[in-house]
C-alpha atoms as a PDB file:
ATOM      1  CA  MET A   1     126.066  48.845 123.851  1.00  0.00           C
ATOM      2  CA  SER A   2     125.917  46.845 120.691  1.00  0.00           C
ATOM      3  CA  VAL A   3     127.842  43.785 119.554  1.00  0.00           C
ATOM      4  CA  ALA A   4     129.005  43.597 115.943  1.00  0.00           C
ATOM      5  CA  HIS A   5     128.123  40.422 114.051  1.00  0.00           C
ATOM      6  CA  GLU A   6     131.710  40.058 112.857  1.00  0.00           C
ATOM      7  CA  GLN A   7     133.120  40.149 116.401  1.00  0.00           C
ATOM      8  CA  HIS A   8     130.874  37.419 117.762  1.00  0.00           C
ATOM      9  CA  SER A   9     132.168  33.899 118.161  1.00  0.00           C
ATOM     10  CA  GLY A  10     130.456  30.790 119.439  1.00  0.00           C
ATOM     11  CA  PRO A  11     126.759  30.107 119.947  1.00  0.00           C
ATOM     12  CA  TRP A  12     124.331  33.014 120.053  1.00  0.00           C
ATOM     13  CA  THR A  13     122.053  33.728 123.026  1.00  0.00           C
ATOM     14  CA  ILE A  14     118.923  35.853 123.315  1.00  0.00           C
ATOM     15  CA  GLU A  15     120.980  38.411 125.241  1.00  0.00           C
ATOM     16  CA  ASP A  16     123.554  38.548 122.400  1.00  0.00           C
ATOM     17  CA  VAL A  17     120.831  39.165 119.821  1.00  0.00           C
ATOM     18  CA  LEU A  18     119.119  41.871 121.893  1.00  0.00           C
ATOM     19  CA  ALA A  19     122.501  43.561 122.488  1.00  0.00           C
ATOM     20  CA  LEU A  20     122.792  44.096 118.720  1.00  0.00           C
ATOM     21  CA  GLY A  21     120.195  46.847 119.079  1.00  0.00           C
ATOM     22  CA  GLU A  22     117.395  47.856 116.755  1.00  0.00           C
ATOM     23  CA  ASP A  23     117.908  47.731 113.001  1.00  0.00           C
ATOM     24  CA  ARG A  24     114.983  48.628 110.751  1.00  0.00           C
ATOM     25  CA  GLY A  25     116.871  47.257 107.733  1.00  0.00           C
ATOM     26  CA  GLN A  26     116.847  43.639 108.885  1.00  0.00           C
ATOM     27  CA  ARG A  27     115.352  41.204 111.353  1.00  0.00           C
ATOM     28  CA  ARG A  28     117.588  39.221 113.650  1.00  0.00           C
ATOM     29  CA  GLU A  29     116.097  36.035 115.040  1.00  0.00           C
ATOM     30  CA  LEU A  30     117.489  33.131 117.013  1.00  0.00           C
ATOM     31  CA  ALA A  31     116.740  29.471 116.265  1.00  0.00           C
ATOM     32  CA  GLY A  32     118.437  27.428 118.948  1.00  0.00           C
ATOM     33  CA  GLU A  33     121.896  29.026 119.019  1.00  0.00           C
ATOM     34  CA  MET A  34     121.883  30.078 115.359  1.00  0.00           C
ATOM     35  CA  LEU A  35     121.486  33.734 114.402  1.00  0.00           C
ATOM     36  CA  MET A  36     119.176  34.245 111.409  1.00  0.00           C
ATOM     37  CA  MET A  37     119.057  37.568 109.592  1.00  0.00           C
ATOM     38  CA  SER A  38     116.625  38.636 106.912  1.00  0.00           C
ATOM     39  CA  PRO A  39     116.248  41.909 105.020  1.00  0.00           C
ATOM     40  CA  ALA A  40     113.305  44.229 105.478  1.00  0.00           C
ATOM     41  CA  PRO A  41     110.255  42.845 103.672  1.00  0.00           C
ATOM     42  CA  GLY A  42     109.081  44.037 100.255  1.00  0.00           C
ATOM     43  CA  PHE A  43     106.140  46.271  99.461  1.00  0.00           C
ATOM     44  CA  LYS A  44     103.538  43.526  98.936  1.00  0.00           C
ATOM     45  CA  HIS A  45     104.532  41.976 102.265  1.00  0.00           C
ATOM     46  CA  GLN A  46     104.372  45.304 104.088  1.00  0.00           C
ATOM     47  CA  ARG A  47     101.035  46.168 102.479  1.00  0.00           C
ATOM     48  CA  ALA A  48      99.585  42.827 103.624  1.00  0.00           C
ATOM     49  CA  SER A  49     101.022  43.200 107.124  1.00  0.00           C
ATOM     50  CA  SER A  50      99.626  46.696 107.584  1.00  0.00           C
ATOM     51  CA  ARG A  51      96.166  45.798 106.305  1.00  0.00           C
ATOM     52  CA  LEU A  52      95.979  42.581 108.296  1.00  0.00           C
ATOM     53  CA  TRP A  53      97.119  44.438 111.416  1.00  0.00           C
ATOM     54  CA  ASN A  54      94.276  46.933 110.916  1.00  0.00           C
ATOM     55  CA  LEU A  55      91.696  44.156 110.441  1.00  0.00           C
ATOM     56  CA  LEU A  56      92.893  42.208 113.487  1.00  0.00           C
ATOM     57  CA  ASP A  57      93.090  45.304 115.683  1.00  0.00           C
ATOM     58  CA  ALA A  58      89.530  46.335 114.779  1.00  0.00           C
ATOM     59  CA  ALA A  59      88.206  42.777 115.211  1.00  0.00           C
ATOM     60  CA  ALA A  60      89.880  42.389 118.615  1.00  0.00           C
ATOM     61  CA  ALA A  61      88.436  45.714 119.785  1.00  0.00           C
ATOM     62  CA  GLU A  62      84.952  44.813 118.528  1.00  0.00           C
ATOM     63  CA  ALA A  63      85.108  41.443 120.310  1.00  0.00           C
ATOM     64  CA  GLY A  64      86.413  43.032 123.503  1.00  0.00           C
ATOM     65  CA  ALA A  65      89.417  40.712 123.441  1.00  0.00           C
ATOM     66  CA  PRO A  66      92.015  41.722 126.054  1.00  0.00           C
ATOM     67  CA  VAL A  67      94.861  41.828 123.527  1.00  0.00           C
ATOM     68  CA  GLU A  68      97.148  44.125 121.614  1.00  0.00           C
ATOM     69  CA  VAL A  69      97.908  43.475 117.974  1.00  0.00           C
ATOM     70  CA  LEU A  70     101.568  44.256 117.311  1.00  0.00           C
ATOM     71  CA  GLU A  71     103.887  44.126 114.332  1.00  0.00           C
ATOM     72  CA  ALA A  72     107.432  42.737 114.445  1.00  0.00           C
ATOM     73  CA  VAL A  73     107.924  42.197 118.193  1.00  0.00           C
ATOM     74  CA  ASN A  74     110.494  39.957 119.887  1.00  0.00           C
ATOM     75  CA  ILE A  75     108.869  36.738 121.102  1.00  0.00           C
ATOM     76  CA  VAL A  76     110.953  34.644 123.509  1.00  0.00           C
ATOM     77  CA  LEU A  77     110.490  30.915 122.890  1.00  0.00           C
ATOM     78  CA  PRO A  78     111.873  27.969 124.887  1.00  0.00           C
ATOM     79  CA  ASP A  79     114.681  27.637 122.343  1.00  0.00           C
ATOM     80  CA  GLY A  80     114.918  30.910 120.469  1.00  0.00           C
ATOM     81  CA  LEU A  81     113.765  34.419 119.730  1.00  0.00           C
ATOM     82  CA  PHE A  82     111.490  35.050 116.743  1.00  0.00           C
ATOM     83  CA  ILE A  83     109.970  38.189 115.307  1.00  0.00           C
ATOM     84  CA  PRO A  84     106.664  37.223 113.701  1.00  0.00           C
ATOM     85  CA  ASP A  85     105.161  39.665 111.232  1.00  0.00           C
ATOM     86  CA  ILE A  86     102.186  40.128 113.573  1.00  0.00           C
ATOM     87  CA  ALA A  87     101.702  38.947 117.150  1.00  0.00           C
ATOM     88  CA  VAL A  88      98.450  39.099 119.088  1.00  0.00           C
ATOM     89  CA  VAL A  89      99.575  39.510 122.680  1.00  0.00           C
ATOM     90  CA  ASP A  90      97.797  39.568 126.028  1.00  0.00           C
ATOM     91  CA  ALA A  91      97.093  43.238 126.855  1.00  0.00           C
ATOM     92  CA  GLU A  92      98.508  42.960 130.377  1.00  0.00           C
ATOM     93  CA  ALA A  93     101.853  41.730 129.085  1.00  0.00           C
ATOM     94  CA  ALA A  94     101.954  44.464 126.436  1.00  0.00           C
ATOM     95  CA  ALA A  95     101.101  47.172 128.989  1.00  0.00           C
ATOM     96  CA  LYS A  96     104.502  46.699 130.611  1.00  0.00           C
ATOM     97  CA  ASP A  97     106.077  48.015 127.366  1.00  0.00           C
ATOM     98  CA  PRO A  98     108.704  45.287 127.227  1.00  0.00           C
ATOM     99  CA  VAL A  99     111.453  44.766 124.646  1.00  0.00           C
ATOM    100  CA  THR A 100     110.547  41.069 124.513  1.00  0.00           C
ATOM    101  CA  CYS A 101     107.395  39.085 125.144  1.00  0.00           C
ATOM    102  CA  ASP A 102     107.267  35.575 126.556  1.00  0.00           C
ATOM    103  CA  ALA A 103     105.423  33.064 124.387  1.00  0.00           C
ATOM    104  CA  GLU A 104     102.906  32.397 127.206  1.00  0.00           C
ATOM    105  CA  ALA A 105     101.447  35.874 126.609  1.00  0.00           C
ATOM    106  CA  VAL A 106     100.943  35.317 122.849  1.00  0.00           C
ATOM    107  CA  TRP A 107      97.463  34.368 121.605  1.00  0.00           C
ATOM    108  CA  PHE A 108      98.644  33.828 118.033  1.00  0.00           C
ATOM    109  CA  VAL A 109     101.250  34.814 115.494  1.00  0.00           C
ATOM    110  CA  VAL A 110     101.078  35.623 111.798  1.00  0.00           C
ATOM    111  CA  GLU A 111     103.894  34.856 109.393  1.00  0.00           C
ATOM    112  CA  ILE A 112     103.735  36.373 105.922  1.00  0.00           C
ATOM    113  CA  VAL A 113     105.699  34.012 103.715  1.00  0.00           C
ATOM    114  CA  SER A 114     108.714  35.618 102.123  1.00  0.00           C
ATOM    115  CA  PRO A 115     109.073  35.109  98.359  1.00  0.00           C
ATOM    116  CA  THR A 116     112.685  33.901  98.652  1.00  0.00           C
ATOM    117  CA  SER A 117     113.290  30.158  98.842  1.00  0.00           C
ATOM    118  CA  SER A 118     115.089  30.456 102.189  1.00  0.00           C
ATOM    119  CA  GLY A 119     112.281  32.668 103.515  1.00  0.00           C
ATOM    120  CA  ARG A 120     109.633  30.155 102.411  1.00  0.00           C
ATOM    121  CA  ARG A 121     111.477  27.337 104.204  1.00  0.00           C
ATOM    122  CA  THR A 122     111.873  29.456 107.342  1.00  0.00           C
ATOM    123  CA  ASP A 123     108.214  30.540 107.500  1.00  0.00           C
ATOM    124  CA  ARG A 124     106.697  27.190 106.475  1.00  0.00           C
ATOM    125  CA  LEU A 125     109.057  24.621 107.994  1.00  0.00           C
ATOM    126  CA  LEU A 126     111.465  26.090 110.549  1.00  0.00           C
ATOM    127  CA  LYS A 127     109.306  28.416 112.643  1.00  0.00           C
ATOM    128  CA  PRO A 128     106.123  26.349 113.218  1.00  0.00           C
ATOM    129  CA  PRO A 129     107.735  23.677 115.448  1.00  0.00           C
ATOM    130  CA  TYR A 130     109.298  26.397 117.614  1.00  0.00           C
ATOM    131  CA  TYR A 131     105.943  28.162 117.997  1.00  0.00           C
ATOM    132  CA  ALA A 132     104.242  24.836 118.738  1.00  0.00           C
ATOM    133  CA  GLU A 133     106.815  23.915 121.376  1.00  0.00           C
ATOM    134  CA  ALA A 134     106.147  27.289 122.999  1.00  0.00           C
ATOM    135  CA  GLY A 135     102.421  26.461 123.170  1.00  0.00           C
ATOM    136  CA  ILE A 136     101.203  29.320 120.966  1.00  0.00           C
ATOM    137  CA  GLU A 137      97.634  28.239 120.224  1.00  0.00           C
ATOM    138  CA  TYR A 138      97.281  29.533 116.656  1.00  0.00           C
ATOM    139  CA  LEU A 139      99.612  30.156 113.744  1.00  0.00           C
ATOM    140  CA  TRP A 140      98.390  32.073 110.724  1.00  0.00           C
ATOM    141  CA  ARG A 141     100.464  31.841 107.544  1.00  0.00           C
ATOM    142  CA  LEU A 142      99.737  34.283 104.735  1.00  0.00           C
ATOM    143  CA  GLU A 143     101.016  32.966 101.415  1.00  0.00           C
ATOM    144  CA  LEU A 144     101.638  35.668  98.800  1.00  0.00           C
ATOM    145  CA  GLU A 145     102.635  33.447  95.853  1.00  0.00           C
ATOM    146  CA  PRO A 146     101.338  32.145  93.511  1.00  0.00           C
ATOM    147  CA  ALA A 147      98.074  33.735  94.742  1.00  0.00           C
ATOM    148  CA  PRO A 148      97.240  35.163  98.166  1.00  0.00           C
ATOM    149  CA  ALA A 149      95.936  32.556 100.613  1.00  0.00           C
ATOM    150  CA  LEU A 150      95.695  32.458 104.389  1.00  0.00           C
ATOM    151  CA  VAL A 151      96.268  29.208 106.262  1.00  0.00           C
ATOM    152  CA  VAL A 152      94.966  29.228 109.840  1.00  0.00           C
ATOM    153  CA  ALA A 153      96.440  26.420 111.928  1.00  0.00           C
ATOM    154  CA  GLY A 154      95.631  25.413 115.478  1.00  0.00           C
ATOM    155  CA  LEU A 155      97.729  23.508 117.972  1.00  0.00           C
ATOM    156  CA  GLU A 156      96.777  19.812 118.247  1.00  0.00           C
ATOM    157  CA  ASN A 157      98.898  17.244 120.093  1.00  0.00           C
ATOM    158  CA  GLY A 158     101.951  19.502 120.033  1.00  0.00           C
ATOM    159  CA  ARG A 159     101.767  20.270 116.288  1.00  0.00           C
ATOM    160  CA  TYR A 160      99.867  22.666 114.083  1.00  0.00           C
ATOM    161  CA  ALA A 161      96.971  21.328 112.046  1.00  0.00           C
ATOM    162  CA  ASP A 162      95.491  23.422 109.264  1.00  0.00           C
ATOM    163  CA  ARG A 163      91.920  24.342 110.147  1.00  0.00           C
ATOM    164  CA  ILE A 164      91.001  26.986 107.577  1.00  0.00           C
ATOM    165  CA  VAL A 165      92.423  27.917 104.202  1.00  0.00           C
ATOM    166  CA  ALA A 166      91.127  31.213 102.850  1.00  0.00           C
ATOM    167  CA  HIS A 167      91.695  31.907  99.154  1.00  0.00           C
ATOM    168  CA  GLU A 168      91.928  35.121  97.166  1.00  0.00           C
ATOM    169  CA  GLY A 169      88.567  36.452  96.016  1.00  0.00           C
ATOM    170  CA  ARG A 170      86.532  34.835  98.801  1.00  0.00           C
ATOM    171  CA  ARG A 171      85.694  36.473 102.099  1.00  0.00           C
ATOM    172  CA  THR A 172      86.283  33.972 104.879  1.00  0.00           C
ATOM    173  CA  ARG A 173      85.174  34.279 108.488  1.00  0.00           C
ATOM    174  CA  ILE A 174      87.582  33.045 111.136  1.00  0.00           C
ATOM    175  CA  GLU A 175      85.973  32.576 114.566  1.00  0.00           C
ATOM    176  CA  GLN A 176      88.899  31.827 116.890  1.00  0.00           C
ATOM    177  CA  PRO A 177      90.343  33.341 118.980  1.00  0.00           C
ATOM    178  CA  PHE A 178      87.996  36.205 118.027  1.00  0.00           C
ATOM    179  CA  PRO A 179      85.893  36.719 114.876  1.00  0.00           C
ATOM    180  CA  VAL A 180      87.465  38.367 111.843  1.00  0.00           C
ATOM    181  CA  GLU A 181      86.424  38.294 108.201  1.00  0.00           C
ATOM    182  CA  LEU A 182      88.845  38.802 105.321  1.00  0.00           C
ATOM    183  CA  ASP A 183      89.787  38.191 101.708  1.00  0.00           C
ATOM    184  CA  PRO A 184      93.525  37.433 101.392  1.00  0.00           C
ATOM    185  CA  GLY A 185      93.610  39.076  97.954  1.00  0.00           C
ATOM    186  CA  ALA A 186      92.394  42.397  99.374  1.00  0.00           C
ATOM    187  CA  LEU A 187      95.359  42.405 101.760  1.00  0.00           C
ATOM    188  CA  VAL A 188      97.929  42.603  98.959  1.00  0.00           C
ATOM    189  CA  ARG A 189      96.083  44.423  96.170  1.00  0.00           C
ATOM    190  CA  GLN A 190      97.600  47.796  95.340  1.00  0.00           C
ATOM    191  CA  ARG A 191      95.126  50.641  95.547  1.00  0.00           C
ATOM    192  CA  ALA A 192      94.314  52.346  92.246  1.00  0.00           C
END
């Protein structure tokens, strides 16, 4: 059963959002009791997500990390439900094939910053405190504009602190939680 957006009144709950069902055309997330909807990402975003997923999946396998690298999964937070672009999740939790994943099972999340002003505010300002409150150890933020850059932040005293900034044109090695090497520019570059 699905609940139409127009018919809903009052605060939203995780159950309300999940009852809306799957919609490949938009993401529905919950910040507190507020429903947030965003359209499907553009080509550059999807290209970066797919390539980064491949790199992370290969790096996790090579390191023997007991994780699954997943795109666009429902992560349940203490005060919301977010769908990060990529989530690296404990393999045991993923093996249960759930619809949602509790934040405790998440090693780290990746947000690819949307080019819209509201998307930039959401990815840079709104989501990080929710992820931090949930205790997710690492937050990666891939900036697409003005030039590709990856910001790797780690949890320190309940907040994220930037630890590595990787810029376009330079291969950067990230050691934690497992080693991976990348050039942010290569993630978005269209193949000839």
